[in-house]
Amino acid sequence: MGEFGSNIRYAKSVGADVRKPQRDMRHTSRRKEMKRITGFICGPRIYEFEGWCFEWHACSGPWPMKKDGELRKRAGRTFYNMVERFCKLSKADREKYRVGGGCVPI
């Protein structure tokens, strides 16, 4: 088992106080954090450009929306022509037309 036989014998030999256990401050701060729920809610980004309201999902790309927020059944040539013009804008200009969506911390 070694020279000391146990952790307490080793602690005594190096002069540590073994009467009361040391409190690890990391555990107390973790308890406080565990009470608080943190996370993110993520969804597609929503833009309004040239009279069109549309969402841009990271996987499926752009899709037009109705005024009540529901997705349209179809996306036609007119919509995709507008998307081409939208994509030619710089990233900063595109963000000006953003009206919602993305990741929000909770």
N, C-alpha and C. Protein backbone atom coordinates (compact mmCIF):
# COMPACT_ATOMS: atom_id res chain seq x y z
N MET A 1 0.80 -1.19 0.00
CA MET A 1 0.00 0.00 0.00
C MET A 1 0.85 1.26 0.00
N GLY A 2 2.08 1.08 0.14
CA GLY A 2 2.95 2.24 0.09
C GLY A 2 3.49 2.59 1.46
N GLU A 3 4.24 3.65 1.50
CA GLU A 3 4.91 4.06 2.72
C GLU A 3 3.94 4.55 3.79
N PHE A 4 2.86 5.24 3.39
CA PHE A 4 1.98 5.85 4.37
C PHE A 4 0.73 5.03 4.65
N GLY A 5 0.25 4.25 3.71
CA GLY A 5 -0.91 3.40 3.96
C GLY A 5 -2.24 4.07 3.75
N SER A 6 -2.36 5.35 3.98
CA SER A 6 -3.63 6.03 3.74
C SER A 6 -3.38 7.51 3.48
N ASN A 7 -4.39 8.16 2.97
CA ASN A 7 -4.28 9.58 2.67
C ASN A 7 -4.17 10.41 3.95
N ILE A 8 -4.83 9.96 5.03
CA ILE A 8 -4.79 10.73 6.28
C ILE A 8 -3.39 10.68 6.89
N ARG A 9 -2.74 9.53 6.85
CA ARG A 9 -1.38 9.44 7.38
C ARG A 9 -0.43 10.33 6.59
N TYR A 10 -0.61 10.37 5.27
CA TYR A 10 0.23 11.23 4.45
C TYR A 10 -0.03 12.70 4.78
N ALA A 11 -1.32 13.07 4.93
CA ALA A 11 -1.65 14.46 5.25
C ALA A 11 -1.04 14.86 6.58
N LYS A 12 -1.08 13.97 7.58
CA LYS A 12 -0.47 14.27 8.88
C LYS A 12 1.03 14.43 8.75
N SER A 13 1.63 13.61 7.90
CA SER A 13 3.09 13.65 7.77
C SER A 13 3.57 14.95 7.12
N VAL A 14 2.76 15.54 6.27
CA VAL A 14 3.16 16.80 5.63
C VAL A 14 2.67 18.02 6.40
N GLY A 15 1.96 17.77 7.52
CA GLY A 15 1.56 18.88 8.38
C GLY A 15 0.22 19.49 8.05
N ALA A 16 -0.63 18.80 7.30
CA ALA A 16 -1.95 19.35 6.98
C ALA A 16 -2.89 19.19 8.16
N ASP A 17 -3.85 20.08 8.28
CA ASP A 17 -4.85 20.01 9.36
C ASP A 17 -5.91 19.00 8.93
N VAL A 18 -6.00 17.88 9.61
CA VAL A 18 -6.93 16.83 9.22
C VAL A 18 -8.16 16.78 10.12
N ARG A 19 -8.31 17.74 11.03
CA ARG A 19 -9.46 17.72 11.93
C ARG A 19 -10.76 18.05 11.21
N LYS A 20 -10.77 19.03 10.33
CA LYS A 20 -11.98 19.33 9.58
C LYS A 20 -11.64 19.40 8.10
N PRO A 21 -12.52 18.90 7.27
CA PRO A 21 -12.21 18.89 5.84
C PRO A 21 -12.18 20.28 5.24
N GLN A 22 -11.30 20.46 4.30
CA GLN A 22 -11.23 21.73 3.59
C GLN A 22 -12.44 21.87 2.68
N ARG A 23 -12.94 23.07 2.54
CA ARG A 23 -14.10 23.30 1.69
C ARG A 23 -13.63 23.79 0.33
N ASP A 24 -14.04 23.11 -0.68
CA ASP A 24 -13.65 23.49 -2.04
C ASP A 24 -14.65 24.53 -2.54
N MET A 25 -14.18 25.72 -2.84
CA MET A 25 -15.07 26.81 -3.24
C MET A 25 -15.72 26.56 -4.59
N ARG A 26 -15.13 25.72 -5.40
CA ARG A 26 -15.74 25.45 -6.70
C ARG A 26 -17.10 24.80 -6.54
N HIS A 27 -17.27 23.95 -5.54
CA HIS A 27 -18.54 23.26 -5.36
C HIS A 27 -19.65 24.21 -4.92
N THR A 28 -19.32 25.18 -4.06
CA THR A 28 -20.36 26.10 -3.60
C THR A 28 -20.83 27.00 -4.74
N SER A 29 -19.92 27.44 -5.60
CA SER A 29 -20.35 28.29 -6.71
C SER A 29 -21.15 27.48 -7.72
N ARG A 30 -20.84 26.21 -7.87
CA ARG A 30 -21.61 25.37 -8.79
C ARG A 30 -23.04 25.21 -8.30
N ARG A 31 -23.23 25.09 -7.00
CA ARG A 31 -24.59 24.96 -6.47
C ARG A 31 -25.42 26.19 -6.80
N LYS A 32 -24.82 27.36 -6.69
CA LYS A 32 -25.55 28.58 -7.01
C LYS A 32 -25.90 28.63 -8.49
N GLU A 33 -24.98 28.18 -9.33
CA GLU A 33 -25.23 28.19 -10.77
C GLU A 33 -26.27 27.16 -11.17
N MET A 34 -26.36 26.08 -10.44
CA MET A 34 -27.32 25.03 -10.78
C MET A 34 -28.75 25.50 -10.59
N LYS A 35 -28.96 26.45 -9.71
CA LYS A 35 -30.31 26.97 -9.48
C LYS A 35 -30.76 27.86 -10.64
N ARG A 36 -29.80 28.44 -11.33
CA ARG A 36 -30.10 29.33 -12.44
C ARG A 36 -30.03 28.55 -13.74
N ILE A 37 -31.09 28.57 -14.52
CA ILE A 37 -31.11 27.85 -15.79
C ILE A 37 -30.61 28.79 -16.88
N THR A 38 -29.63 28.34 -17.62
CA THR A 38 -29.12 29.13 -18.73
C THR A 38 -29.11 28.27 -19.98
N GLY A 39 -29.31 28.92 -21.10
CA GLY A 39 -29.30 28.22 -22.37
C GLY A 39 -29.65 29.16 -23.50
N PHE A 40 -29.92 28.60 -24.64
CA PHE A 40 -30.27 29.37 -25.82
C PHE A 40 -31.48 28.76 -26.50
N ILE A 41 -32.31 29.62 -27.05
CA ILE A 41 -33.39 29.19 -27.92
C ILE A 41 -33.01 29.69 -29.31
N CYS A 42 -32.91 28.76 -30.24
CA CYS A 42 -32.47 29.13 -31.59
C CYS A 42 -33.56 28.83 -32.61
N GLY A 43 -33.68 29.70 -33.57
CA GLY A 43 -34.62 29.52 -34.65
C GLY A 43 -34.07 30.19 -35.90
N PRO A 44 -34.78 30.07 -37.00
CA PRO A 44 -34.30 30.72 -38.23
C PRO A 44 -34.37 32.24 -38.13
N ARG A 45 -33.47 32.90 -38.82
CA ARG A 45 -33.49 34.37 -38.83
C ARG A 45 -34.60 34.84 -39.76
N ILE A 46 -35.26 35.92 -39.37
CA ILE A 46 -36.39 36.45 -40.13
C ILE A 46 -36.02 37.83 -40.66
N TYR A 47 -36.25 38.02 -41.95
CA TYR A 47 -35.90 39.27 -42.62
C TYR A 47 -37.13 39.83 -43.34
N GLU A 48 -37.12 41.16 -43.53
CA GLU A 48 -38.09 41.85 -44.40
C GLU A 48 -37.28 42.65 -45.40
N PHE A 49 -37.50 42.35 -46.69
CA PHE A 49 -36.73 43.01 -47.75
C PHE A 49 -37.61 43.12 -48.98
N GLU A 50 -37.71 44.33 -49.52
CA GLU A 50 -38.50 44.62 -50.72
C GLU A 50 -39.93 44.10 -50.62
N GLY A 51 -40.54 44.26 -49.46
CA GLY A 51 -41.93 43.85 -49.27
C GLY A 51 -42.13 42.38 -48.96
N TRP A 52 -41.07 41.60 -48.98
CA TRP A 52 -41.15 40.18 -48.66
C TRP A 52 -40.72 39.96 -47.22
N CYS A 53 -41.46 39.12 -46.52
CA CYS A 53 -41.06 38.66 -45.20
C CYS A 53 -40.67 37.20 -45.38
N PHE A 54 -39.45 36.85 -44.98
CA PHE A 54 -38.99 35.48 -45.18
C PHE A 54 -38.06 35.07 -44.05
N GLU A 55 -37.98 33.75 -43.86
CA GLU A 55 -37.04 33.22 -42.88
C GLU A 55 -35.86 32.60 -43.61
N TRP A 56 -34.72 32.61 -42.95
CA TRP A 56 -33.52 32.02 -43.52
C TRP A 56 -33.01 31.00 -42.52
N HIS A 57 -33.27 29.74 -42.82
CA HIS A 57 -32.84 28.65 -41.96
C HIS A 57 -31.45 28.20 -42.35
N ALA A 58 -30.63 27.83 -41.36
CA ALA A 58 -29.24 27.45 -41.62
C ALA A 58 -29.13 26.23 -42.54
N CYS A 59 -30.07 25.31 -42.45
CA CYS A 59 -29.99 24.08 -43.26
C CYS A 59 -30.75 24.19 -44.57
N SER A 60 -31.97 24.73 -44.51
CA SER A 60 -32.83 24.71 -45.70
C SER A 60 -32.84 26.02 -46.48
N GLY A 61 -32.19 27.05 -45.98
CA GLY A 61 -32.10 28.31 -46.71
C GLY A 61 -33.34 29.19 -46.57
N PRO A 62 -33.58 30.11 -47.52
CA PRO A 62 -34.68 31.06 -47.41
C PRO A 62 -36.03 30.45 -47.79
N TRP A 63 -37.09 30.93 -47.13
CA TRP A 63 -38.45 30.53 -47.48
C TRP A 63 -39.40 31.67 -47.12
N PRO A 64 -40.35 32.01 -48.03
CA PRO A 64 -41.24 33.13 -47.76
C PRO A 64 -42.26 32.82 -46.67
N MET A 65 -42.70 33.90 -45.99
CA MET A 65 -43.68 33.78 -44.91
C MET A 65 -44.90 34.63 -45.22
N LYS A 66 -46.03 34.23 -44.66
CA LYS A 66 -47.24 35.04 -44.75
C LYS A 66 -47.17 36.13 -43.68
N LYS A 67 -48.13 37.06 -43.71
CA LYS A 67 -48.13 38.14 -42.74
C LYS A 67 -48.39 37.66 -41.32
N ASP A 68 -49.08 36.53 -41.19
CA ASP A 68 -49.36 36.00 -39.85
C ASP A 68 -48.22 35.14 -39.30
N GLY A 69 -47.13 34.99 -40.06
CA GLY A 69 -45.96 34.26 -39.60
C GLY A 69 -45.89 32.82 -40.07
N GLU A 70 -46.94 32.33 -40.70
CA GLU A 70 -46.91 30.97 -41.25
C GLU A 70 -46.08 30.94 -42.52
N LEU A 71 -45.52 29.79 -42.82
CA LEU A 71 -44.75 29.65 -44.05
C LEU A 71 -45.68 29.50 -45.24
N ARG A 72 -45.29 30.08 -46.36
CA ARG A 72 -46.06 29.91 -47.60
C ARG A 72 -45.87 28.51 -48.14
N LYS A 73 -46.83 28.06 -48.94
CA LYS A 73 -46.74 26.72 -49.51
C LYS A 73 -45.71 26.65 -50.62
N ARG A 74 -45.57 27.74 -51.37
CA ARG A 74 -44.67 27.76 -52.52
C ARG A 74 -43.75 28.97 -52.49
N ALA A 75 -42.62 28.81 -53.15
CA ALA A 75 -41.70 29.93 -53.36
C ALA A 75 -41.41 29.99 -54.85
N GLY A 76 -41.80 31.10 -55.47
CA GLY A 76 -41.68 31.20 -56.92
C GLY A 76 -40.43 31.94 -57.37
N ARG A 77 -40.41 32.16 -58.69
CA ARG A 77 -39.27 32.82 -59.32
C ARG A 77 -39.09 34.25 -58.80
N THR A 78 -40.20 34.95 -58.57
CA THR A 78 -40.12 36.33 -58.06
C THR A 78 -39.42 36.37 -56.71
N PHE A 79 -39.76 35.40 -55.86
CA PHE A 79 -39.13 35.34 -54.54
C PHE A 79 -37.63 35.08 -54.67
N TYR A 80 -37.25 34.12 -55.49
CA TYR A 80 -35.83 33.79 -55.61
C TYR A 80 -35.03 34.87 -56.32
N ASN A 81 -35.66 35.66 -57.19
CA ASN A 81 -34.97 36.82 -57.76
C ASN A 81 -34.67 37.85 -56.68
N MET A 82 -35.64 38.04 -55.76
CA MET A 82 -35.42 38.96 -54.64
C MET A 82 -34.31 38.43 -53.73
N VAL A 83 -34.25 37.11 -53.51
CA VAL A 83 -33.21 36.51 -52.67
C VAL A 83 -31.83 36.75 -53.28
N GLU A 84 -31.74 36.68 -54.60
CA GLU A 84 -30.46 36.97 -55.27
C GLU A 84 -30.00 38.39 -54.97
N ARG A 85 -30.93 39.35 -55.07
CA ARG A 85 -30.57 40.74 -54.78
C ARG A 85 -30.19 40.89 -53.30
N PHE A 86 -30.87 40.18 -52.44
CA PHE A 86 -30.60 40.22 -51.00
C PHE A 86 -29.20 39.66 -50.71
N CYS A 87 -28.82 38.59 -51.37
CA CYS A 87 -27.51 37.97 -51.14
C CYS A 87 -26.36 38.83 -51.63
N LYS A 88 -26.62 39.73 -52.58
CA LYS A 88 -25.57 40.62 -53.08
C LYS A 88 -25.22 41.72 -52.09
N LEU A 89 -26.09 41.94 -51.09
CA LEU A 89 -25.82 42.95 -50.07
C LEU A 89 -24.69 42.45 -49.16
N SER A 90 -24.02 43.40 -48.52
CA SER A 90 -22.99 43.00 -47.54
C SER A 90 -23.68 42.43 -46.30
N LYS A 91 -22.91 41.73 -45.50
CA LYS A 91 -23.47 41.10 -44.31
C LYS A 91 -24.06 42.14 -43.34
N ALA A 92 -23.40 43.28 -43.22
CA ALA A 92 -23.89 44.35 -42.34
C ALA A 92 -25.21 44.91 -42.87
N ASP A 93 -25.31 45.07 -44.19
CA ASP A 93 -26.56 45.58 -44.77
C ASP A 93 -27.70 44.57 -44.60
N ARG A 94 -27.38 43.28 -44.72
CA ARG A 94 -28.41 42.25 -44.53
C ARG A 94 -28.96 42.28 -43.11
N GLU A 95 -28.08 42.53 -42.15
CA GLU A 95 -28.53 42.56 -40.75
C GLU A 95 -29.47 43.74 -40.48
N LYS A 96 -29.39 44.78 -41.29
CA LYS A 96 -30.32 45.92 -41.14
C LYS A 96 -31.75 45.52 -41.44
N TYR A 97 -31.92 44.53 -42.30
CA TYR A 97 -33.25 44.08 -42.70
C TYR A 97 -33.77 42.93 -41.81
N ARG A 98 -32.98 42.52 -40.86
CA ARG A 98 -33.39 41.44 -39.96
C ARG A 98 -34.40 41.96 -38.94
N VAL A 99 -35.50 41.22 -38.78
CA VAL A 99 -36.54 41.64 -37.85
C VAL A 99 -36.71 40.67 -36.68
N GLY A 100 -36.01 39.56 -36.69
CA GLY A 100 -36.13 38.62 -35.58
C GLY A 100 -35.40 37.33 -35.87
N GLY A 101 -35.59 36.37 -34.95
CA GLY A 101 -35.00 35.05 -35.10
C GLY A 101 -33.56 35.00 -34.63
N GLY A 102 -32.89 33.89 -34.95
CA GLY A 102 -31.53 33.67 -34.50
C GLY A 102 -31.53 33.02 -33.13
N CYS A 103 -30.41 33.08 -32.44
CA CYS A 103 -30.29 32.49 -31.10
C CYS A 103 -30.45 33.57 -30.04
N VAL A 104 -31.28 33.28 -29.05
CA VAL A 104 -31.56 34.23 -27.97
C VAL A 104 -31.21 33.56 -26.64
N PRO A 105 -30.38 34.20 -25.79
CA PRO A 105 -30.06 33.58 -24.50
C PRO A 105 -31.25 33.66 -23.55
N ILE A 106 -31.42 32.60 -22.75
CA ILE A 106 -32.48 32.62 -21.73
C ILE A 106 -31.87 32.47 -20.36
